[in-house]
Amino acid sequence: MSTIYCIKNKSTSACYVGSTHNAPFSRWQAHVSDLNNGKHHSVKFQIAWVGTNLHDWEFVILESGVPDSERHTREQYWFKEIG
């Protein structure tokens, strides 16, 4: 089972939608580590992160218990819905 999540800037509403089949908050910590080190795979998210700090962002679970076979479809749904 997977979890679909959003990492949202509280001020600008910029949002990164992702999914994980592991512990969601561990994934959040991995994103923060990559962003703080300038090594995030999403250039757009990395640029949005610059000049902000952790308290400017929130980690929101959008959907949990998603079958792995539907993970990509649900992630794309949320990307379009929030995007």
PDB file of N, CA and C in Angstrom:
ATOM      1  N   MET A   1       0.837  -1.184   0.000  1.00  0.00           N
ATOM      2  CA  MET A   1       0.000   0.000   0.000  1.00  0.00           C
ATOM      3  C   MET A   1       0.882   1.248   0.000  1.00  0.00           C
ATOM      4  N   SER A   2       0.379   2.297  -0.619  1.00  0.00           N
ATOM      5  CA  SER A   2       1.129   3.544  -0.769  1.00  0.00           C
ATOM      6  C   SER A   2       0.395   4.708  -0.133  1.00  0.00           C
ATOM      7  N   THR A   3       1.152   5.772   0.056  1.00  0.00           N
ATOM      8  CA  THR A   3       0.621   7.028   0.570  1.00  0.00           C
ATOM      9  C   THR A   3       0.937   8.123  -0.431  1.00  0.00           C
ATOM     10  N   ILE A   4      -0.052   8.951  -0.727  1.00  0.00           N
ATOM     11  CA  ILE A   4       0.130  10.104  -1.597  1.00  0.00           C
ATOM     12  C   ILE A   4       0.190  11.322  -0.678  1.00  0.00           C
ATOM     13  N   TYR A   5       1.164  12.197  -0.921  1.00  0.00           N
ATOM     14  CA  TYR A   5       1.352  13.339  -0.036  1.00  0.00           C
ATOM     15  C   TYR A   5       1.642  14.603  -0.834  1.00  0.00           C
ATOM     16  N   CYS A   6       1.532  15.723  -0.143  1.00  0.00           N
ATOM     17  CA  CYS A   6       1.858  17.024  -0.713  1.00  0.00           C
ATOM     18  C   CYS A   6       2.773  17.745   0.265  1.00  0.00           C
ATOM     19  N   ILE A   7       3.800  18.386  -0.254  1.00  0.00           N
ATOM     20  CA  ILE A   7       4.646  19.270   0.541  1.00  0.00           C
ATOM     21  C   ILE A   7       4.342  20.666   0.023  1.00  0.00           C
ATOM     22  N   LYS A   8       3.714  21.468   0.890  1.00  0.00           N
ATOM     23  CA  LYS A   8       3.132  22.737   0.469  1.00  0.00           C
ATOM     24  C   LYS A   8       3.776  23.911   1.182  1.00  0.00           C
ATOM     25  N   ASN A   9       4.093  24.947   0.417  1.00  0.00           N
ATOM     26  CA  ASN A   9       4.583  26.189   1.003  1.00  0.00           C
ATOM     27  C   ASN A   9       3.377  26.933   1.575  1.00  0.00           C
ATOM     28  N   LYS A  10       3.428  27.257   2.847  1.00  0.00           N
ATOM     29  CA  LYS A  10       2.294  27.879   3.526  1.00  0.00           C
ATOM     30  C   LYS A  10       1.988  29.276   2.997  1.00  0.00           C
ATOM     31  N   SER A  11       2.993  29.967   2.484  1.00  0.00           N
ATOM     32  CA  SER A  11       2.803  31.344   2.013  1.00  0.00           C
ATOM     33  C   SER A  11       2.413  31.425   0.543  1.00  0.00           C
ATOM     34  N   THR A  12       3.059  30.631  -0.276  1.00  0.00           N
ATOM     35  CA  THR A  12       2.859  30.759  -1.725  1.00  0.00           C
ATOM     36  C   THR A  12       1.932  29.692  -2.305  1.00  0.00           C
ATOM     37  N   SER A  13       1.623  28.679  -1.544  1.00  0.00           N
ATOM     38  CA  SER A  13       0.821  27.538  -1.986  1.00  0.00           C
ATOM     39  C   SER A  13       1.537  26.683  -3.027  1.00  0.00           C
ATOM     40  N   ALA A  14       2.846  26.932  -3.252  1.00  0.00           N
ATOM     41  CA  ALA A  14       3.620  26.035  -4.110  1.00  0.00           C
ATOM     42  C   ALA A  14       3.530  24.644  -3.511  1.00  0.00           C
ATOM     43  N   CYS A  15       3.395  23.639  -4.357  1.00  0.00           N
ATOM     44  CA  CYS A  15       3.142  22.294  -3.844  1.00  0.00           C
ATOM     45  C   CYS A  15       3.904  21.253  -4.652  1.00  0.00           C
ATOM     46  N   TYR A  16       4.476  20.317  -3.926  1.00  0.00           N
ATOM     47  CA  TYR A  16       5.120  19.160  -4.533  1.00  0.00           C
ATOM     48  C   TYR A  16       4.282  17.949  -4.151  1.00  0.00           C
ATOM     49  N   VAL A  17       3.815  17.203  -5.128  1.00  0.00           N
ATOM     50  CA  VAL A  17       3.028  15.993  -4.877  1.00  0.00           C
ATOM     51  C   VAL A  17       3.926  14.787  -5.103  1.00  0.00           C
ATOM     52  N   GLY A  18       3.891  13.863  -4.157  1.00  0.00           N
ATOM     53  CA  GLY A  18       4.685  12.655  -4.276  1.00  0.00           C
ATOM     54  C   GLY A  18       3.966  11.466  -3.675  1.00  0.00           C
ATOM     55  N   SER A  19       4.602  10.331  -3.747  1.00  0.00           N
ATOM     56  CA  SER A  19       4.028   9.114  -3.175  1.00  0.00           C
ATOM     57  C   SER A  19       5.150   8.247  -2.628  1.00  0.00           C
ATOM     58  N   THR A  20       4.781   7.400  -1.707  1.00  0.00           N
ATOM     59  CA  THR A  20       5.746   6.485  -1.116  1.00  0.00           C
ATOM     60  C   THR A  20       5.039   5.222  -0.658  1.00  0.00           C
ATOM     61  N   HIS A  21       5.754   4.136  -0.670  1.00  0.00           N
ATOM     62  CA  HIS A  21       5.211   2.909  -0.095  1.00  0.00           C
ATOM     63  C   HIS A  21       5.900   2.613   1.240  1.00  0.00           C
ATOM     64  N   ASN A  22       6.779   3.541   1.660  1.00  0.00           N
ATOM     65  CA  ASN A  22       7.446   3.431   2.955  1.00  0.00           C
ATOM     66  C   ASN A  22       6.790   4.386   3.943  1.00  0.00           C
ATOM     67  N   ALA A  23       7.417   4.589   5.073  1.00  0.00           N
ATOM     68  CA  ALA A  23       6.903   5.508   6.090  1.00  0.00           C
ATOM     69  C   ALA A  23       6.895   6.933   5.524  1.00  0.00           C
ATOM     70  N   PRO A  24       5.729   7.573   5.442  1.00  0.00           N
ATOM     71  CA  PRO A  24       5.633   8.891   4.818  1.00  0.00           C
ATOM     72  C   PRO A  24       6.546   9.948   5.442  1.00  0.00           C
ATOM     73  N   PHE A  25       6.651   9.963   6.751  1.00  0.00           N
ATOM     74  CA  PHE A  25       7.446  11.014   7.372  1.00  0.00           C
ATOM     75  C   PHE A  25       8.947  10.783   7.201  1.00  0.00           C
ATOM     76  N   SER A  26       9.337   9.548   6.961  1.00  0.00           N
ATOM     77  CA  SER A  26      10.731   9.280   6.593  1.00  0.00           C
ATOM     78  C   SER A  26      11.015   9.848   5.211  1.00  0.00           C
ATOM     79  N   ARG A  27      10.025   9.752   4.337  1.00  0.00           N
ATOM     80  CA  ARG A  27      10.182  10.318   2.990  1.00  0.00           C
ATOM     81  C   ARG A  27      10.300  11.835   3.076  1.00  0.00           C
ATOM     82  N   TRP A  28       9.511  12.456   3.935  1.00  0.00           N
ATOM     83  CA  TRP A  28       9.565  13.899   4.166  1.00  0.00           C
ATOM     84  C   TRP A  28      10.966  14.300   4.622  1.00  0.00           C
ATOM     85  N   GLN A  29      11.516  13.553   5.544  1.00  0.00           N
ATOM     86  CA  GLN A  29      12.867  13.840   6.036  1.00  0.00           C
ATOM     87  C   GLN A  29      13.904  13.703   4.922  1.00  0.00           C
ATOM     88  N   ALA A  30      13.718  12.727   4.049  1.00  0.00           N
ATOM     89  CA  ALA A  30      14.639  12.544   2.919  1.00  0.00           C
ATOM     90  C   ALA A  30      14.559  13.729   1.957  1.00  0.00           C
ATOM     91  N   HIS A  31      13.332  14.223   1.704  1.00  0.00           N
ATOM     92  CA  HIS A  31      13.168  15.407   0.859  1.00  0.00           C
ATOM     93  C   HIS A  31      13.907  16.592   1.479  1.00  0.00           C
ATOM     94  N   VAL A  32      13.691  16.828   2.762  1.00  0.00           N
ATOM     95  CA  VAL A  32      14.324  17.973   3.440  1.00  0.00           C
ATOM     96  C   VAL A  32      15.843  17.870   3.354  1.00  0.00           C
ATOM     97  N   SER A  33      16.375  16.690   3.574  1.00  0.00           N
ATOM     98  CA  SER A  33      17.821  16.498   3.490  1.00  0.00           C
ATOM     99  C   SER A  33      18.331  16.830   2.085  1.00  0.00           C
ATOM    100  N   ASP A  34      17.668  16.296   1.065  1.00  0.00           N
ATOM    101  CA  ASP A  34      18.079  16.567  -0.317  1.00  0.00           C
ATOM    102  C   ASP A  34      17.967  18.056  -0.646  1.00  0.00           C
ATOM    103  N   LEU A  35      16.873  18.687  -0.216  1.00  0.00           N
ATOM    104  CA  LEU A  35      16.670  20.108  -0.489  1.00  0.00           C
ATOM    105  C   LEU A  35      17.728  20.962   0.203  1.00  0.00           C
ATOM    106  N   ASN A  36      17.996  20.666   1.456  1.00  0.00           N
ATOM    107  CA  ASN A  36      18.992  21.444   2.208  1.00  0.00           C
ATOM    108  C   ASN A  36      20.395  21.291   1.636  1.00  0.00           C
ATOM    109  N   ASN A  37      20.640  20.165   0.989  1.00  0.00           N
ATOM    110  CA  ASN A  37      21.948  19.911   0.374  1.00  0.00           C
ATOM    111  C   ASN A  37      21.997  20.285  -1.108  1.00  0.00           C
ATOM    112  N   GLY A  38      20.893  20.861  -1.607  1.00  0.00           N
ATOM    113  CA  GLY A  38      20.840  21.273  -3.011  1.00  0.00           C
ATOM    114  C   GLY A  38      20.853  20.122  -3.990  1.00  0.00           C
ATOM    115  N   LYS A  39      20.332  18.974  -3.575  1.00  0.00           N
ATOM    116  CA  LYS A  39      20.413  17.765  -4.405  1.00  0.00           C
ATOM    117  C   LYS A  39      19.054  17.130  -4.698  1.00  0.00           C
ATOM    118  N   HIS A  40      17.976  17.897  -4.614  1.00  0.00           N
ATOM    119  CA  HIS A  40      16.661  17.308  -4.850  1.00  0.00           C
ATOM    120  C   HIS A  40      16.486  17.004  -6.333  1.00  0.00           C
ATOM    121  N   HIS A  41      15.809  15.895  -6.637  1.00  0.00           N
ATOM    122  CA  HIS A  41      15.619  15.482  -8.031  1.00  0.00           C
ATOM    123  C   HIS A  41      14.685  16.413  -8.806  1.00  0.00           C
ATOM    124  N   SER A  42      13.832  17.157  -8.105  1.00  0.00           N
ATOM    125  CA  SER A  42      12.932  18.099  -8.768  1.00  0.00           C
ATOM    126  C   SER A  42      13.557  19.497  -8.738  1.00  0.00           C
ATOM    127  N   VAL A  43      14.003  19.949  -9.890  1.00  0.00           N
ATOM    128  CA  VAL A  43      14.628  21.269  -9.980  1.00  0.00           C
ATOM    129  C   VAL A  43      13.629  22.352  -9.561  1.00  0.00           C
ATOM    130  N   LYS A  44      12.384  22.207  -9.983  1.00  0.00           N
ATOM    131  CA  LYS A  44      11.346  23.187  -9.644  1.00  0.00           C
ATOM    132  C   LYS A  44      11.160  23.285  -8.127  1.00  0.00           C
ATOM    133  N   PHE A  45      11.123  22.146  -7.443  1.00  0.00           N
ATOM    134  CA  PHE A  45      10.976  22.136  -5.988  1.00  0.00           C
ATOM    135  C   PHE A  45      12.222  22.706  -5.322  1.00  0.00           C
ATOM    136  N   GLN A  46      13.382  22.368  -5.843  1.00  0.00           N
ATOM    137  CA  GLN A  46      14.629  22.880  -5.282  1.00  0.00           C
ATOM    138  C   GLN A  46      14.662  24.405  -5.359  1.00  0.00           C
ATOM    139  N   ILE A  47      14.248  24.957  -6.485  1.00  0.00           N
ATOM    140  CA  ILE A  47      14.219  26.412  -6.656  1.00  0.00           C
ATOM    141  C   ILE A  47      13.218  27.047  -5.688  1.00  0.00           C
ATOM    142  N   ALA A  48      12.054  26.422  -5.527  1.00  0.00           N
ATOM    143  CA  ALA A  48      11.035  26.946  -4.606  1.00  0.00           C
ATOM    144  C   ALA A  48      11.524  26.921  -3.162  1.00  0.00           C
ATOM    145  N   TRP A  49      12.394  25.975  -2.835  1.00  0.00           N
ATOM    146  CA  TRP A  49      12.904  25.810  -1.469  1.00  0.00           C
ATOM    147  C   TRP A  49      13.900  26.912  -1.093  1.00  0.00           C
ATOM    148  N   VAL A  50      14.657  27.387  -2.076  1.00  0.00           N
ATOM    149  CA  VAL A  50      15.705  28.375  -1.827  1.00  0.00           C
ATOM    150  C   VAL A  50      15.100  29.623  -1.182  1.00  0.00           C
ATOM    151  N   GLY A  51      15.732  30.083  -0.116  1.00  0.00           N
ATOM    152  CA  GLY A  51      15.288  31.290   0.576  1.00  0.00           C
ATOM    153  C   GLY A  51      14.161  31.053   1.566  1.00  0.00           C
ATOM    154  N   THR A  52      13.787  29.796   1.755  1.00  0.00           N
ATOM    155  CA  THR A  52      12.761  29.464   2.735  1.00  0.00           C
ATOM    156  C   THR A  52      13.393  28.601   3.816  1.00  0.00           C
ATOM    157  N   ASN A  53      12.596  28.237   4.795  1.00  0.00           N
ATOM    158  CA  ASN A  53      13.079  27.296   5.794  1.00  0.00           C
ATOM    159  C   ASN A  53      11.992  26.266   6.060  1.00  0.00           C
ATOM    160  N   LEU A  54      12.314  25.285   6.830  1.00  0.00           N
ATOM    161  CA  LEU A  54      11.407  24.161   7.088  1.00  0.00           C
ATOM    162  C   LEU A  54      10.046  24.622   7.589  1.00  0.00           C
ATOM    163  N   HIS A  55      10.010  25.671   8.378  1.00  0.00           N
ATOM    164  CA  HIS A  55       8.748  26.136   8.965  1.00  0.00           C
ATOM    165  C   HIS A  55       7.816  26.789   7.949  1.00  0.00           C
ATOM    166  N   ASP A  56       8.343  27.075   6.760  1.00  0.00           N
ATOM    167  CA  ASP A  56       7.517  27.642   5.692  1.00  0.00           C
ATOM    168  C   ASP A  56       6.716  26.576   4.946  1.00  0.00           C
ATOM    169  N   TRP A  57       6.996  25.311   5.244  1.00  0.00           N
ATOM    170  CA  TRP A  57       6.410  24.203   4.507  1.00  0.00           C
ATOM    171  C   TRP A  57       5.626  23.282   5.427  1.00  0.00           C
ATOM    172  N   GLU A  58       4.636  22.607   4.848  1.00  0.00           N
ATOM    173  CA  GLU A  58       3.897  21.596   5.605  1.00  0.00           C
ATOM    174  C   GLU A  58       3.786  20.319   4.780  1.00  0.00           C
ATOM    175  N   PHE A  59       3.807  19.212   5.483  1.00  0.00           N
ATOM    176  CA  PHE A  59       3.689  17.888   4.865  1.00  0.00           C
ATOM    177  C   PHE A  59       2.269  17.412   5.109  1.00  0.00           C
ATOM    178  N   VAL A  60       1.526  17.182   4.031  1.00  0.00           N
ATOM    179  CA  VAL A  60       0.113  16.824   4.133  1.00  0.00           C
ATOM    180  C   VAL A  60      -0.122  15.474   3.465  1.00  0.00           C
ATOM    181  N   ILE A  61      -0.707  14.554   4.209  1.00  0.00           N
ATOM    182  CA  ILE A  61      -1.098  13.264   3.638  1.00  0.00           C
ATOM    183  C   ILE A  61      -2.397  13.484   2.865  1.00  0.00           C
ATOM    184  N   LEU A  62      -2.389  13.195   1.589  1.00  0.00           N
ATOM    185  CA  LEU A  62      -3.574  13.358   0.761  1.00  0.00           C
ATOM    186  C   LEU A  62      -4.416  12.099   0.719  1.00  0.00           C
ATOM    187  N   GLU A  63      -3.732  10.957   0.716  1.00  0.00           N
ATOM    188  CA  GLU A  63      -4.433   9.685   0.574  1.00  0.00           C
ATOM    189  C   GLU A  63      -3.526   8.577   1.083  1.00  0.00           C
ATOM    190  N   SER A  64      -4.067   7.678   1.839  1.00  0.00           N
ATOM    191  CA  SER A  64      -3.270   6.538   2.301  1.00  0.00           C
ATOM    192  C   SER A  64      -3.999   5.244   1.987  1.00  0.00           C
ATOM    193  N   GLY A  65      -3.272   4.157   2.050  1.00  0.00           N
ATOM    194  CA  GLY A  65      -3.857   2.857   1.739  1.00  0.00           C
ATOM    195  C   GLY A  65      -4.117   2.644   0.263  1.00  0.00           C
ATOM    196  N   VAL A  66      -3.393   3.352  -0.577  1.00  0.00           N
ATOM    197  CA  VAL A  66      -3.560   3.236  -2.032  1.00  0.00           C
ATOM    198  C   VAL A  66      -2.843   1.977  -2.508  1.00  0.00           C
ATOM    199  N   PRO A  67      -3.541   1.095  -3.206  1.00  0.00           N
ATOM    200  CA  PRO A  67      -2.857  -0.079  -3.748  1.00  0.00           C
ATOM    201  C   PRO A  67      -1.695   0.343  -4.644  1.00  0.00           C
ATOM    202  N   ASP A  68      -0.584  -0.356  -4.539  1.00  0.00           N
ATOM    203  CA  ASP A  68       0.597   0.006  -5.324  1.00  0.00           C
ATOM    204  C   ASP A  68       0.303   0.066  -6.819  1.00  0.00           C
ATOM    205  N   SER A  69      -0.621  -0.733  -7.272  1.00  0.00           N
ATOM    206  CA  SER A  69      -0.973  -0.742  -8.696  1.00  0.00           C
ATOM    207  C   SER A  69      -1.670   0.552  -9.124  1.00  0.00           C
ATOM    208  N   GLU A  70      -2.207   1.316  -8.166  1.00  0.00           N
ATOM    209  CA  GLU A  70      -2.901   2.568  -8.470  1.00  0.00           C
ATOM    210  C   GLU A  70      -2.089   3.797  -8.059  1.00  0.00           C
ATOM    211  N   ARG A  71      -0.910   3.561  -7.531  1.00  0.00           N
ATOM    212  CA  ARG A  71      -0.082   4.634  -6.970  1.00  0.00           C
ATOM    213  C   ARG A  71       0.161   5.764  -7.968  1.00  0.00           C
ATOM    214  N   HIS A  72       0.641   5.432  -9.148  1.00  0.00           N
ATOM    215  CA  HIS A  72       0.963   6.449 -10.144  1.00  0.00           C
ATOM    216  C   HIS A  72      -0.291   7.209 -10.583  1.00  0.00           C
ATOM    217  N   THR A  73      -1.377   6.507 -10.810  1.00  0.00           N
ATOM    218  CA  THR A  73      -2.631   7.136 -11.240  1.00  0.00           C
ATOM    219  C   THR A  73      -3.135   8.117 -10.192  1.00  0.00           C
ATOM    220  N   ARG A  74      -3.095   7.718  -8.925  1.00  0.00           N
ATOM    221  CA  ARG A  74      -3.575   8.598  -7.851  1.00  0.00           C
ATOM    222  C   ARG A  74      -2.650   9.794  -7.657  1.00  0.00           C
ATOM    223  N   GLU A  75      -1.353   9.577  -7.797  1.00  0.00           N
ATOM    224  CA  GLU A  75      -0.394  10.682  -7.696  1.00  0.00           C
ATOM    225  C   GLU A  75      -0.666  11.704  -8.801  1.00  0.00           C
ATOM    226  N   GLN A  76      -0.897  11.238 -10.017  1.00  0.00           N
ATOM    227  CA  GLN A  76      -1.199  12.136 -11.132  1.00  0.00           C
ATOM    228  C   GLN A  76      -2.524  12.862 -10.908  1.00  0.00           C
ATOM    229  N   TYR A  77      -3.508  12.170 -10.364  1.00  0.00           N
ATOM    230  CA  TYR A  77      -4.791  12.815 -10.034  1.00  0.00           C
ATOM    231  C   TYR A  77      -4.560  14.001  -9.107  1.00  0.00           C
ATOM    232  N   TRP A  78      -3.824  13.794  -8.032  1.00  0.00           N
ATOM    233  CA  TRP A  78      -3.591  14.851  -7.062  1.00  0.00           C
ATOM    234  C   TRP A  78      -2.726  15.964  -7.657  1.00  0.00           C
ATOM    235  N   PHE A  79      -1.776  15.618  -8.480  1.00  0.00           N
ATOM    236  CA  PHE A  79      -0.948  16.621  -9.132  1.00  0.00           C
ATOM    237  C   PHE A  79      -1.824  17.567  -9.958  1.00  0.00           C
ATOM    238  N   LYS A  80      -2.768  17.000 -10.713  1.00  0.00           N
ATOM    239  CA  LYS A  80      -3.682  17.811 -11.530  1.00  0.00           C
ATOM    240  C   LYS A  80      -4.659  18.583 -10.651  1.00  0.00           C
ATOM    241  N   GLU A  81      -5.123  17.966  -9.578  1.00  0.00           N
ATOM    242  CA  GLU A  81      -6.102  18.588  -8.682  1.00  0.00           C
ATOM    243  C   GLU A  81      -5.508  19.789  -7.935  1.00  0.00           C
ATOM    244  N   ILE A  82      -4.277  19.648  -7.476  1.00  0.00           N
ATOM    245  CA  ILE A  82      -3.647  20.685  -6.665  1.00  0.00           C
ATOM    246  C   ILE A  82      -2.762  21.589  -7.509  1.00  0.00           C
ATOM    247  N   GLY A  83      -2.062  20.955  -8.442  1.00  0.00           N
ATOM    248  CA  GLY A  83      -1.026  21.490  -9.258  1.00  0.00           C
ATOM    249  C   GLY A  83      -0.965  22.875  -9.632  1.00  0.00           C
TER     250      GLY A  83
END
